[in-house]
Amino acid sequence: MAKIKLDLHDIYNKGQSIDAELNRVINEAVAKGVSLVEIIPGKGSGQLKKRVLRFLEQKQVRKLYHRLEKDSKNWGRLFVHFKKE
């Protein structure tokens, strides 16, 4: 199964970079037919994870993926599942 991993630790305080990276990874997954994107906002205060979730819930982004899963064992990690074409 193809998977893309995005670790946001390095850019957690750069607002526009976060959105740009999320956009890039979502578009790359769609373009390459990848079925899973793992996003690691880290544990911190939870603000970055909230921001990532808000980004993923935007209507134009939401229609691109199938399902969002929060890792039950590691709450600093999210999985975005894409439909197989």
N, C-alpha and C. Protein backbone atom coordinates (compact mmCIF):
# COMPACT_ATOMS: atom_id res chain seq x y z
N MET A 1 0.85 -1.19 0.00
CA MET A 1 0.00 0.00 0.00
C MET A 1 0.89 1.25 0.00
N ALA A 2 0.64 2.12 -0.93
CA ALA A 2 1.41 3.36 -1.01
C ALA A 2 0.95 4.32 0.09
N LYS A 3 1.94 5.00 0.67
CA LYS A 3 1.63 5.91 1.77
C LYS A 3 2.57 7.11 1.70
N ILE A 4 2.06 8.28 2.05
CA ILE A 4 2.87 9.48 2.15
C ILE A 4 2.85 9.92 3.60
N LYS A 5 4.00 10.33 4.12
CA LYS A 5 4.10 10.77 5.51
C LYS A 5 4.49 12.24 5.54
N LEU A 6 3.76 13.02 6.34
CA LEU A 6 4.08 14.44 6.50
C LEU A 6 4.26 14.73 7.98
N ASP A 7 5.49 15.08 8.34
CA ASP A 7 5.80 15.43 9.74
C ASP A 7 5.86 16.95 9.83
N LEU A 8 4.98 17.53 10.63
CA LEU A 8 4.89 18.99 10.73
C LEU A 8 5.74 19.58 11.86
N HIS A 9 6.55 18.78 12.51
CA HIS A 9 7.36 19.29 13.62
C HIS A 9 8.24 20.48 13.23
N ASP A 10 8.81 20.43 12.04
CA ASP A 10 9.75 21.47 11.63
C ASP A 10 9.09 22.80 11.28
N ILE A 11 7.80 22.79 10.93
CA ILE A 11 7.16 24.02 10.48
C ILE A 11 5.95 24.40 11.33
N TYR A 12 5.90 23.86 12.56
CA TYR A 12 4.70 24.03 13.38
C TYR A 12 4.31 25.48 13.62
N ASN A 13 5.26 26.41 13.56
CA ASN A 13 4.92 27.81 13.86
C ASN A 13 4.89 28.69 12.62
N LYS A 14 4.85 28.08 11.44
CA LYS A 14 4.82 28.85 10.20
C LYS A 14 3.49 28.61 9.51
N GLY A 15 2.53 29.44 9.82
CA GLY A 15 1.15 29.26 9.36
C GLY A 15 0.98 28.93 7.90
N GLN A 16 1.50 29.78 7.02
CA GLN A 16 1.28 29.55 5.58
C GLN A 16 2.01 28.30 5.10
N SER A 17 3.15 28.00 5.69
CA SER A 17 3.88 26.79 5.31
C SER A 17 3.08 25.54 5.62
N ILE A 18 2.38 25.57 6.76
CA ILE A 18 1.57 24.41 7.15
C ILE A 18 0.49 24.15 6.10
N ASP A 19 -0.27 25.18 5.75
CA ASP A 19 -1.32 25.02 4.75
C ASP A 19 -0.74 24.59 3.41
N ALA A 20 0.39 25.17 3.03
CA ALA A 20 1.02 24.83 1.75
C ALA A 20 1.45 23.36 1.74
N GLU A 21 2.05 22.90 2.84
CA GLU A 21 2.48 21.50 2.92
C GLU A 21 1.29 20.55 2.91
N LEU A 22 0.23 20.90 3.64
CA LEU A 22 -0.97 20.06 3.65
C LEU A 22 -1.56 19.97 2.25
N ASN A 23 -1.66 21.12 1.59
CA ASN A 23 -2.17 21.14 0.21
C ASN A 23 -1.32 20.27 -0.70
N ARG A 24 0.00 20.42 -0.58
CA ARG A 24 0.93 19.68 -1.43
C ARG A 24 0.74 18.18 -1.24
N VAL A 25 0.67 17.75 0.01
CA VAL A 25 0.58 16.32 0.31
C VAL A 25 -0.76 15.74 -0.15
N ILE A 26 -1.84 16.46 0.07
CA ILE A 26 -3.17 15.99 -0.36
C ILE A 26 -3.20 15.89 -1.89
N ASN A 27 -2.70 16.92 -2.56
CA ASN A 27 -2.70 16.91 -4.03
C ASN A 27 -1.79 15.81 -4.59
N GLU A 28 -0.65 15.60 -3.92
CA GLU A 28 0.27 14.54 -4.36
C GLU A 28 -0.40 13.17 -4.21
N ALA A 29 -1.11 12.97 -3.10
CA ALA A 29 -1.79 11.69 -2.87
C ALA A 29 -2.84 11.45 -3.96
N VAL A 30 -3.60 12.49 -4.28
CA VAL A 30 -4.63 12.36 -5.31
C VAL A 30 -3.98 12.07 -6.67
N ALA A 31 -2.94 12.83 -7.00
CA ALA A 31 -2.28 12.69 -8.30
C ALA A 31 -1.64 11.30 -8.48
N LYS A 32 -1.05 10.78 -7.40
CA LYS A 32 -0.34 9.50 -7.49
C LYS A 32 -1.21 8.30 -7.14
N GLY A 33 -2.45 8.55 -6.75
CA GLY A 33 -3.33 7.44 -6.38
C GLY A 33 -2.92 6.76 -5.09
N VAL A 34 -2.32 7.53 -4.18
CA VAL A 34 -1.90 6.99 -2.89
C VAL A 34 -3.14 6.80 -2.01
N SER A 35 -3.18 5.70 -1.27
CA SER A 35 -4.38 5.42 -0.49
C SER A 35 -4.33 5.94 0.94
N LEU A 36 -3.14 6.32 1.42
CA LEU A 36 -3.03 6.76 2.81
C LEU A 36 -2.00 7.86 2.96
N VAL A 37 -2.39 8.91 3.68
CA VAL A 37 -1.45 9.96 4.07
C VAL A 37 -1.41 9.99 5.59
N GLU A 38 -0.21 9.90 6.13
CA GLU A 38 -0.02 9.98 7.58
C GLU A 38 0.48 11.40 7.88
N ILE A 39 -0.25 12.11 8.72
CA ILE A 39 0.13 13.48 9.09
C ILE A 39 0.49 13.47 10.56
N ILE A 40 1.66 14.02 10.87
CA ILE A 40 2.12 14.04 12.26
C ILE A 40 2.22 15.49 12.73
N PRO A 41 1.15 15.98 13.38
CA PRO A 41 1.23 17.32 13.94
C PRO A 41 1.98 17.33 15.28
N GLY A 42 2.20 16.16 15.84
CA GLY A 42 2.87 16.07 17.13
C GLY A 42 1.87 16.28 18.27
N LYS A 43 2.35 16.12 19.48
CA LYS A 43 1.45 16.16 20.63
C LYS A 43 1.27 17.56 21.19
N GLY A 44 2.35 18.28 21.43
CA GLY A 44 2.30 19.67 21.89
C GLY A 44 1.03 20.09 22.61
N SER A 45 0.57 21.30 22.29
CA SER A 45 -0.62 21.85 22.95
C SER A 45 -1.91 21.40 22.28
N GLY A 46 -1.80 20.78 21.12
CA GLY A 46 -2.99 20.36 20.39
C GLY A 46 -3.46 21.39 19.38
N GLN A 47 -2.85 22.58 19.37
CA GLN A 47 -3.26 23.63 18.45
C GLN A 47 -2.97 23.26 17.00
N LEU A 48 -1.82 22.67 16.76
CA LEU A 48 -1.45 22.29 15.39
C LEU A 48 -2.39 21.20 14.86
N LYS A 49 -2.72 20.25 15.72
CA LYS A 49 -3.64 19.19 15.30
C LYS A 49 -5.01 19.79 14.96
N LYS A 50 -5.47 20.74 15.77
CA LYS A 50 -6.75 21.40 15.48
C LYS A 50 -6.69 22.12 14.15
N ARG A 51 -5.57 22.77 13.89
CA ARG A 51 -5.40 23.48 12.63
C ARG A 51 -5.45 22.51 11.45
N VAL A 52 -4.77 21.38 11.59
CA VAL A 52 -4.76 20.35 10.53
C VAL A 52 -6.18 19.84 10.29
N LEU A 53 -6.91 19.57 11.39
CA LEU A 53 -8.28 19.07 11.25
C LEU A 53 -9.17 20.11 10.57
N ARG A 54 -9.00 21.38 10.94
CA ARG A 54 -9.79 22.45 10.28
C ARG A 54 -9.48 22.50 8.79
N PHE A 55 -8.20 22.36 8.45
CA PHE A 55 -7.80 22.35 7.04
C PHE A 55 -8.48 21.19 6.31
N LEU A 56 -8.43 20.02 6.92
CA LEU A 56 -8.98 18.82 6.28
C LEU A 56 -10.50 18.86 6.16
N GLU A 57 -11.15 19.67 7.00
CA GLU A 57 -12.61 19.74 6.96
C GLU A 57 -13.14 20.80 5.99
N GLN A 58 -12.25 21.56 5.35
CA GLN A 58 -12.70 22.51 4.34
C GLN A 58 -13.37 21.73 3.21
N LYS A 59 -14.45 22.30 2.67
CA LYS A 59 -15.25 21.58 1.68
C LYS A 59 -14.42 21.11 0.48
N GLN A 60 -13.57 22.00 -0.05
CA GLN A 60 -12.80 21.64 -1.25
C GLN A 60 -11.76 20.56 -0.95
N VAL A 61 -11.30 20.46 0.29
CA VAL A 61 -10.34 19.43 0.66
C VAL A 61 -11.07 18.15 1.02
N ARG A 62 -12.16 18.27 1.74
CA ARG A 62 -12.93 17.11 2.22
C ARG A 62 -13.38 16.20 1.08
N LYS A 63 -13.71 16.79 -0.05
CA LYS A 63 -14.20 15.97 -1.16
C LYS A 63 -13.09 15.13 -1.81
N LEU A 64 -11.84 15.41 -1.48
CA LEU A 64 -10.72 14.69 -2.09
C LEU A 64 -10.40 13.37 -1.40
N TYR A 65 -10.78 13.25 -0.13
CA TYR A 65 -10.43 12.02 0.58
C TYR A 65 -11.68 11.31 1.09
N HIS A 66 -11.47 10.06 1.48
CA HIS A 66 -12.57 9.18 1.86
C HIS A 66 -12.87 9.23 3.36
N ARG A 67 -11.80 9.16 4.17
CA ARG A 67 -12.01 9.02 5.62
C ARG A 67 -10.81 9.56 6.38
N LEU A 68 -11.09 10.12 7.54
CA LEU A 68 -10.05 10.65 8.42
C LEU A 68 -10.03 9.80 9.67
N GLU A 69 -8.84 9.36 10.07
CA GLU A 69 -8.71 8.50 11.24
C GLU A 69 -7.70 9.10 12.20
N LYS A 70 -8.09 9.20 13.46
CA LYS A 70 -7.17 9.65 14.50
C LYS A 70 -6.54 8.40 15.09
N ASP A 71 -5.23 8.38 15.19
CA ASP A 71 -4.52 7.22 15.73
C ASP A 71 -4.90 7.03 17.20
N SER A 72 -5.45 5.88 17.53
CA SER A 72 -5.90 5.63 18.90
C SER A 72 -4.73 5.42 19.86
N LYS A 73 -3.59 5.03 19.34
CA LYS A 73 -2.43 4.79 20.20
C LYS A 73 -1.50 5.99 20.30
N ASN A 74 -1.59 6.90 19.35
CA ASN A 74 -0.70 8.06 19.32
C ASN A 74 -1.52 9.27 18.87
N TRP A 75 -1.98 10.09 19.82
CA TRP A 75 -2.87 11.17 19.43
C TRP A 75 -2.17 12.31 18.71
N GLY A 76 -0.86 12.20 18.50
CA GLY A 76 -0.13 13.19 17.71
C GLY A 76 -0.04 12.79 16.25
N ARG A 77 -0.93 11.89 15.82
CA ARG A 77 -0.85 11.38 14.45
C ARG A 77 -2.25 11.20 13.87
N LEU A 78 -2.40 11.56 12.59
CA LEU A 78 -3.66 11.42 11.87
C LEU A 78 -3.42 10.63 10.59
N PHE A 79 -4.44 9.89 10.18
CA PHE A 79 -4.37 9.17 8.91
C PHE A 79 -5.50 9.67 8.01
N VAL A 80 -5.16 10.02 6.78
CA VAL A 80 -6.16 10.44 5.80
C VAL A 80 -6.22 9.34 4.75
N HIS A 81 -7.39 8.71 4.65
CA HIS A 81 -7.57 7.60 3.71
C HIS A 81 -8.23 8.11 2.42
N PHE A 82 -7.69 7.66 1.31
CA PHE A 82 -8.22 8.05 0.00
C PHE A 82 -8.89 6.85 -0.65
N LYS A 83 -9.91 7.12 -1.44
CA LYS A 83 -10.59 6.05 -2.19
C LYS A 83 -9.65 5.55 -3.27
N LYS A 84 -9.72 4.28 -3.49
CA LYS A 84 -8.98 3.71 -4.62
C LYS A 84 -9.75 4.01 -5.89
N GLU A 85 -9.08 4.55 -6.87
CA GLU A 85 -9.75 4.88 -8.14
C GLU A 85 -9.92 3.63 -8.97
